[in-house]
Amino acid sequence: MKQRDLFAATVAHEPHDPYLFYANFTPAADEKLRRAYGLAQTVDLRKMFNMYDPAEVSPQPPPDLVTPDFQHYFADMDIPSGAFINRLGVLEIPGSLYHFTHYVSPLRHAERLEEILDFPYPSVDGYLVDHMAEAARQAKAAGRVTCCHLVHMYEDAWQIRGYEPFLMDMLTNPEICAYILDQIADKNLKKAEAAARAGVDVLISGDDVANQRSLMFAPELWRRFIKERWARVYAAARAIKPDIQIWYHSDGNIMSILPELIEIGVTILNPVQPECMDLAAVKRLYGRQLVLDGTIGTQTTFPFGTPQDIRAVIQDRIENLGADGALMLSPTHVLEPEVPLENMLALLEACQQK
């Protein structure tokens, strides 16, 4: 079966074999795997190992796009070597460990609403969309699933404003939160509508809104600031393409908001961390509405388990979470450098055998 056929069976909750699977790797883990197989950097690991590999179909920036100049937001500091300003205008400074960076938010010092209003928020206004329908058609003809990455709402907002300032704004300056989130929601809505018009299969969205035990803030704040904006985006896409799938990511324990995510249209849940959530309970309570994507722990199983543990977990997930076909196998996060090569190989080998 082609990946497109497997995906259709997965979201229809129809038993099938094999299961879609994939993994993402940090640069060090990627290099470890390439050395083991003697693979050049030009080799696509997803294609090499028959991993789930949807085709991205998104609006594209025009050739004459002018990138905002964010430098003046960091005029009060010395920018160290190796630092860079990302697409949001956030300064990323290399950390002391692996690929991690330290964020410096451009609106961290903003005190007046006018400063918030003047910021050049990410936008897709003027982006090119005429290519999207044909790109989607070609990908589907080749047996591929098509997707459009909307990515974040809350996470983009706090990175622009600053983590603690944004959380404080939720309580003391709600108009600031609302304005920032509205700019990002507007961008996501326009992308979602363009994707739906092009016939894209799945929207990729989400926010890390939880820690290991619970939401990072009161559920009422999530409903007020985040839920209703995602609901608006999803509804706009569904008004154009009613069967578009909604993939949603949040690390941590989001059990308390799962019914509301389903209510606003989420159909595929990622990463469903076994260290944070009761997988059996998630499946029992919400398995008829949700495809589970992930479930193989990167806090426990991958760094500290054995290849036998990896294979046993995969078998357990198939038997206990995937009997109805509504399962995609993947690590619950990118695989870090400390993951043993043998565990990565066990994942690839076990999933390709299914």
Protein backbone atom coordinates (compact mmCIF):
# COMPACT_ATOMS: atom_id res chain seq x y z
CA MET A 1 0.00 0.00 0.00
CA LYS A 2 1.15 3.54 -0.75
CA GLN A 3 1.46 6.01 2.12
CA ARG A 4 -1.65 7.81 0.93
CA ASP A 5 -3.67 4.59 1.19
CA LEU A 6 -2.25 3.85 4.65
CA PHE A 7 -3.07 7.38 5.79
CA ALA A 8 -6.65 7.08 4.52
CA ALA A 9 -7.08 3.83 6.45
CA THR A 10 -5.50 5.37 9.56
CA VAL A 11 -7.77 8.43 9.74
CA ALA A 12 -10.79 6.23 8.89
CA HIS A 13 -9.92 4.01 11.88
CA GLU A 14 -9.70 0.96 9.63
CA PRO A 15 -7.30 -1.89 10.54
CA HIS A 16 -4.38 -2.14 8.15
CA ASP A 17 -0.78 -3.29 7.89
CA PRO A 18 1.86 -1.87 7.98
CA TYR A 19 1.47 1.18 10.22
CA LEU A 20 2.76 4.58 9.24
CA PHE A 21 5.88 5.46 11.23
CA TYR A 22 8.56 8.13 11.33
CA ALA A 23 11.27 9.68 13.48
CA ASN A 24 13.07 13.00 13.59
CA PHE A 25 16.73 13.28 14.57
CA THR A 26 18.96 15.96 16.07
CA PRO A 27 22.07 16.65 13.98
CA ALA A 28 24.24 14.42 16.19
CA ALA A 29 21.75 11.53 16.12
CA ASP A 30 21.33 11.97 12.38
CA GLU A 31 25.08 11.74 11.88
CA LYS A 32 25.27 8.64 14.07
CA LEU A 33 22.68 6.89 11.92
CA ARG A 34 24.31 7.95 8.65
CA ARG A 35 27.69 6.64 9.75
CA ALA A 36 26.17 3.28 10.63
CA TYR A 37 24.72 2.90 7.14
CA GLY A 38 27.40 4.78 5.24
CA LEU A 39 24.90 7.35 3.99
CA ALA A 40 25.81 10.70 2.47
CA GLN A 41 24.15 13.90 3.69
CA THR A 42 22.20 14.02 0.42
CA VAL A 43 20.32 10.81 1.27
CA ASP A 44 16.79 11.44 2.58
CA LEU A 45 16.42 9.27 5.69
CA ARG A 46 12.63 9.22 5.49
CA LYS A 47 12.72 7.82 1.98
CA MET A 48 15.60 5.49 2.80
CA PHE A 49 13.66 3.82 5.61
CA ASN A 50 10.16 4.12 4.12
CA MET A 51 9.06 6.50 6.85
CA TYR A 52 5.87 8.54 6.66
CA ASP A 53 6.82 11.53 4.54
CA PRO A 54 3.96 13.91 3.67
CA ALA A 55 4.51 16.51 0.96
CA GLU A 56 4.45 20.11 2.17
CA VAL A 57 2.05 22.31 0.18
CA SER A 58 2.09 25.88 1.47
CA PRO A 59 1.96 29.50 0.34
CA GLN A 60 5.38 30.67 -0.82
CA PRO A 61 7.02 34.07 -0.32
CA PRO A 62 7.27 36.22 -3.46
CA PRO A 63 10.75 36.76 -4.94
CA ASP A 64 10.71 40.43 -3.93
CA LEU A 65 9.72 39.84 -0.30
CA VAL A 66 11.41 42.30 2.04
CA THR A 67 12.42 40.73 5.35
CA PRO A 68 11.83 42.99 8.37
CA ASP A 69 14.90 44.37 10.10
CA PHE A 70 14.76 43.28 13.73
CA GLN A 71 18.24 44.45 14.73
CA HIS A 72 17.09 47.51 16.68
CA TYR A 73 15.19 45.31 19.13
CA PHE A 74 18.57 44.08 20.39
CA ALA A 75 20.49 47.36 20.32
CA ASP A 76 20.88 47.25 24.11
CA MET A 77 23.02 44.10 24.06
CA ASP A 78 26.14 42.63 22.52
CA ILE A 79 25.15 39.87 20.14
CA PRO A 80 27.58 36.97 20.47
CA SER A 81 29.15 35.11 17.60
CA GLY A 82 26.96 32.39 16.15
CA ALA A 83 23.70 34.02 17.21
CA PHE A 84 20.99 34.67 14.64
CA ILE A 85 17.55 36.24 14.37
CA ASN A 86 14.87 33.77 13.33
CA ARG A 87 11.72 34.25 11.22
CA LEU A 88 9.78 35.61 14.21
CA GLY A 89 12.37 38.25 15.01
CA VAL A 90 13.62 36.28 18.02
CA LEU A 91 17.36 36.29 18.69
CA GLU A 92 18.72 32.78 19.19
CA ILE A 93 22.03 32.49 21.03
CA PRO A 94 23.82 29.11 20.90
CA GLY A 95 23.63 27.29 24.20
CA SER A 96 26.24 25.16 25.90
CA LEU A 97 24.73 21.81 24.91
CA TYR A 98 24.19 20.34 21.46
CA HIS A 99 21.61 22.14 19.30
CA PHE A 100 19.91 24.15 22.06
CA THR A 101 19.69 27.93 21.86
CA HIS A 102 18.72 30.69 24.27
CA TYR A 103 15.82 32.90 23.13
CA VAL A 104 15.89 36.68 23.47
CA SER A 105 12.46 38.09 22.66
CA PRO A 106 12.22 41.32 20.66
CA LEU A 107 9.29 42.68 22.71
CA ARG A 108 10.75 41.73 26.08
CA HIS A 109 11.04 45.38 27.15
CA ALA A 110 7.77 46.64 25.67
CA GLU A 111 5.65 48.50 28.22
CA ARG A 112 3.14 50.36 26.07
CA LEU A 113 0.50 48.96 23.73
CA GLU A 114 1.91 51.16 20.95
CA GLU A 115 5.16 49.20 21.05
CA ILE A 116 3.18 45.98 20.64
CA LEU A 117 1.21 47.40 17.71
CA ASP A 118 4.32 48.51 15.82
CA PHE A 119 6.00 45.09 15.69
CA PRO A 120 6.26 43.40 12.24
CA TYR A 121 4.42 40.17 13.01
CA PRO A 122 4.78 37.13 10.73
CA SER A 123 2.40 37.33 7.78
CA VAL A 124 1.57 35.55 4.55
CA ASP A 125 0.02 38.60 2.90
CA GLY A 126 1.22 38.73 -0.69
CA TYR A 127 2.45 35.13 -0.64
CA LEU A 128 2.02 33.01 -3.77
CA VAL A 129 -0.75 30.39 -3.72
CA ASP A 130 -1.50 29.64 -7.38
CA HIS A 131 0.95 26.71 -7.40
CA MET A 132 -0.64 24.91 -4.47
CA ALA A 133 -3.49 22.99 -6.13
CA GLU A 134 -1.21 21.53 -8.80
CA ALA A 135 1.47 20.68 -6.23
CA ALA A 136 -1.14 18.84 -4.16
CA ARG A 137 -2.45 17.02 -7.22
CA GLN A 138 1.01 15.81 -8.23
CA ALA A 139 1.85 14.63 -4.71
CA LYS A 140 -1.41 12.72 -4.44
CA ALA A 141 -0.85 11.13 -7.85
CA ALA A 142 2.51 9.88 -6.53
CA GLY A 143 0.77 8.26 -3.55
CA ARG A 144 1.82 10.86 -0.99
CA VAL A 145 -0.13 12.57 1.75
CA THR A 146 -0.18 16.38 1.53
CA CYS A 147 0.18 18.72 4.50
CA CYS A 148 0.48 22.38 5.36
CA HIS A 149 2.40 23.48 8.45
CA LEU A 150 0.57 26.20 10.33
CA VAL A 151 2.70 25.34 13.36
CA HIS A 152 2.09 27.47 16.48
CA MET A 153 -0.08 30.14 18.05
CA TYR A 154 0.77 30.47 21.74
CA GLU A 155 4.42 29.47 21.28
CA ASP A 156 5.05 32.09 18.58
CA ALA A 157 3.34 34.68 20.76
CA TRP A 158 5.40 34.08 23.90
CA GLN A 159 8.63 33.86 21.92
CA ILE A 160 7.98 37.28 20.44
CA ARG A 161 6.84 38.83 23.74
CA GLY A 162 8.98 36.84 26.18
CA TYR A 163 7.84 33.85 28.23
CA GLU A 164 7.28 35.49 31.60
CA PRO A 165 5.98 38.80 30.18
CA PHE A 166 3.41 36.94 28.10
CA LEU A 167 2.18 34.90 31.06
CA MET A 168 1.93 38.09 33.11
CA ASP A 169 0.07 39.80 30.28
CA MET A 170 -2.56 37.06 30.38
CA LEU A 171 -3.54 38.37 33.82
CA THR A 172 -2.59 42.04 33.83
CA ASN A 173 -2.56 43.14 30.16
CA PRO A 174 -4.98 40.85 28.30
CA GLU A 175 -5.28 43.30 25.42
CA ILE A 176 -1.59 42.72 24.66
CA CYS A 177 -2.06 38.94 24.60
CA ALA A 178 -5.13 39.26 22.43
CA TYR A 179 -3.44 41.54 19.92
CA ILE A 180 -0.32 39.40 19.50
CA LEU A 181 -2.35 36.19 19.21
CA ASP A 182 -4.73 37.79 16.70
CA GLN A 183 -1.84 38.63 14.38
CA ILE A 184 -0.57 35.05 14.47
CA ALA A 185 -4.08 33.61 14.18
CA ASP A 186 -4.71 35.74 11.10
CA LYS A 187 -1.59 34.34 9.45
CA ASN A 188 -2.52 30.77 10.34
CA LEU A 189 -6.10 31.24 9.12
CA LYS A 190 -4.96 32.52 5.73
CA LYS A 191 -2.57 29.58 5.34
CA ALA A 192 -5.27 27.13 6.40
CA GLU A 193 -7.77 28.52 3.90
CA ALA A 194 -5.21 28.40 1.09
CA ALA A 195 -4.35 24.81 1.97
CA ALA A 196 -8.01 23.79 2.06
CA ARG A 197 -8.69 25.39 -1.31
CA ALA A 198 -5.74 23.45 -2.74
CA GLY A 199 -7.12 20.16 -1.42
CA VAL A 200 -4.42 19.53 1.18
CA ASP A 201 -5.05 16.47 3.38
CA VAL A 202 -3.88 17.61 6.81
CA LEU A 203 -3.08 20.81 8.68
CA ILE A 204 -0.09 20.63 11.06
CA SER A 205 -0.71 22.74 14.16
CA GLY A 206 -0.15 22.86 17.89
CA ASP A 207 1.35 24.50 20.95
CA ASP A 208 3.21 23.17 23.96
CA VAL A 209 0.69 24.24 26.60
CA ALA A 210 1.41 21.66 29.32
CA ASN A 211 4.13 20.42 31.62
CA GLN A 212 4.57 16.89 32.91
CA ARG A 213 1.50 17.04 35.15
CA SER A 214 -0.95 19.66 33.91
CA LEU A 215 -1.50 22.74 31.77
CA MET A 216 1.02 25.56 32.18
CA PHE A 217 -1.80 27.93 33.10
CA ALA A 218 -5.44 27.77 34.15
CA PRO A 219 -7.74 26.06 31.63
CA GLU A 220 -9.85 29.23 31.59
CA LEU A 221 -6.89 31.17 30.19
CA TRP A 222 -6.31 28.51 27.54
CA ARG A 223 -9.96 28.75 26.51
CA ARG A 224 -9.92 32.54 26.44
CA PHE A 225 -6.70 33.12 24.57
CA ILE A 226 -5.82 29.99 22.62
CA LYS A 227 -8.72 27.60 22.10
CA GLU A 228 -11.07 30.02 20.40
CA ARG A 229 -8.40 31.18 17.96
CA TRP A 230 -7.50 27.64 16.89
CA ALA A 231 -11.24 26.92 16.62
CA ARG A 232 -11.57 29.85 14.21
CA VAL A 233 -8.67 28.62 12.07
CA TYR A 234 -9.90 25.04 11.90
CA ALA A 235 -13.48 26.11 11.14
CA ALA A 236 -12.31 28.31 8.26
CA ALA A 237 -10.46 25.38 6.69
CA ARG A 238 -13.33 22.95 7.27
CA ALA A 239 -15.78 25.39 5.66
CA ILE A 240 -13.80 24.91 2.44
CA LYS A 241 -12.73 21.26 2.79
CA PRO A 242 -14.85 19.46 5.39
CA ASP A 243 -12.68 16.33 5.47
CA ILE A 244 -9.36 18.09 6.08
CA GLN A 245 -7.53 16.43 8.97
CA ILE A 246 -6.26 18.48 11.93
CA TRP A 247 -2.96 17.31 13.48
CA TYR A 248 -2.29 18.87 16.86
CA HIS A 249 0.88 18.73 18.95
CA SER A 250 1.42 19.48 22.61
CA ASP A 251 3.99 17.96 24.90
CA GLY A 252 3.00 17.16 28.47
CA ASN A 253 -0.26 16.19 30.12
CA ILE A 254 -3.13 17.71 28.15
CA MET A 255 -5.75 15.20 29.32
CA SER A 256 -7.91 17.99 30.76
CA ILE A 257 -8.42 19.67 27.36
CA LEU A 258 -8.70 16.65 25.07
CA PRO A 259 -12.50 16.85 24.87
CA GLU A 260 -12.26 20.50 23.83
CA LEU A 261 -9.56 19.83 21.24
CA ILE A 262 -11.85 17.22 19.71
CA GLU A 263 -14.74 19.70 19.92
CA ILE A 264 -12.88 22.28 17.80
CA GLY A 265 -11.83 19.72 15.20
CA VAL A 266 -8.58 17.97 16.15
CA THR A 267 -8.39 14.46 14.65
CA ILE A 268 -4.72 13.46 15.06
CA LEU A 269 -3.02 13.91 18.44
CA ASN A 270 0.74 14.10 18.91
CA PRO A 271 2.90 13.08 20.77
CA VAL A 272 0.84 11.42 23.56
CA GLN A 273 3.74 11.12 26.00
CA PRO A 274 3.61 7.91 28.06
CA GLU A 275 5.55 9.63 30.86
CA CYS A 276 2.77 12.20 31.22
CA MET A 277 -0.49 10.59 30.12
CA ASP A 278 -2.27 7.28 30.66
CA LEU A 279 -2.22 5.91 27.11
CA ALA A 280 -4.85 3.28 27.82
CA ALA A 281 -7.19 5.94 29.22
CA VAL A 282 -6.64 8.22 26.23
CA LYS A 283 -7.49 5.37 23.88
CA ARG A 284 -10.47 4.23 25.90
CA LEU A 285 -12.01 7.67 26.28
CA TYR A 286 -11.10 9.32 22.98
CA GLY A 287 -9.94 6.58 20.63
CA ARG A 288 -13.03 6.82 18.45
CA GLN A 289 -12.32 10.48 17.67
CA LEU A 290 -8.52 10.61 17.64
CA VAL A 291 -5.65 9.02 15.77
CA LEU A 292 -2.71 8.71 18.16
CA ASP A 293 0.63 9.76 16.69
CA GLY A 294 3.74 9.14 18.81
CA THR A 295 3.42 7.21 22.11
CA ILE A 296 7.06 5.88 22.21
CA GLY A 297 8.79 7.79 25.01
CA THR A 298 11.93 9.83 24.38
CA GLN A 299 12.31 10.60 28.09
CA THR A 300 12.49 6.96 29.06
CA THR A 301 12.42 4.21 26.46
CA PHE A 302 14.71 5.63 23.82
CA PRO A 303 17.61 6.93 25.93
CA PHE A 304 17.50 4.33 28.73
CA GLY A 305 15.88 1.24 27.22
CA THR A 306 17.37 -1.57 25.15
CA PRO A 307 16.61 -2.60 21.58
CA GLN A 308 14.43 -5.33 23.07
CA ASP A 309 12.52 -2.67 25.02
CA ILE A 310 11.95 -0.68 21.83
CA ARG A 311 10.56 -3.70 20.01
CA ALA A 312 8.38 -4.64 22.99
CA VAL A 313 6.93 -1.12 23.24
CA ILE A 314 6.14 -1.05 19.52
CA GLN A 315 4.35 -4.38 19.80
CA ASP A 316 2.45 -3.14 22.85
CA ARG A 317 1.33 0.03 21.06
CA ILE A 318 0.10 -1.97 18.07
CA GLU A 319 -1.83 -4.43 20.20
CA ASN A 320 -3.29 -1.99 22.72
CA LEU A 321 -3.60 1.29 20.82
CA GLY A 322 -3.72 0.30 17.17
CA ALA A 323 -6.25 -2.50 16.84
CA ASP A 324 -8.59 -0.11 15.03
CA GLY A 325 -5.80 1.17 12.78
CA ALA A 326 -5.87 4.68 14.29
CA LEU A 327 -2.18 4.75 15.22
CA MET A 328 0.97 6.30 13.81
CA LEU A 329 4.21 5.10 15.41
CA SER A 330 6.85 7.68 16.28
CA PRO A 331 9.09 8.87 19.11
CA THR A 332 7.41 11.51 21.26
CA HIS A 333 10.12 14.03 20.39
CA VAL A 334 13.17 14.44 18.21
CA LEU A 335 15.79 11.80 19.01
CA GLU A 336 18.63 13.37 20.98
CA PRO A 337 22.36 12.52 20.79
CA GLU A 338 22.29 10.28 23.86
CA VAL A 339 19.90 7.79 22.22
CA PRO A 340 21.97 4.65 21.47
CA LEU A 341 22.36 3.78 17.82
CA GLU A 342 21.03 0.30 18.56
CA ASN A 343 17.75 1.78 19.77
CA MET A 344 17.33 3.87 16.64
CA LEU A 345 18.00 0.80 14.50
CA ALA A 346 15.51 -1.24 16.52
CA LEU A 347 12.79 1.33 15.80
CA LEU A 348 13.49 1.36 12.08
CA GLU A 349 13.72 -2.40 11.80
CA ALA A 350 10.66 -3.18 13.93
CA CYS A 351 8.41 -0.67 12.18
CA GLN A 352 9.47 -1.73 8.70
CA GLN A 353 8.61 -5.34 9.58
CA LYS A 354 5.04 -4.44 10.51
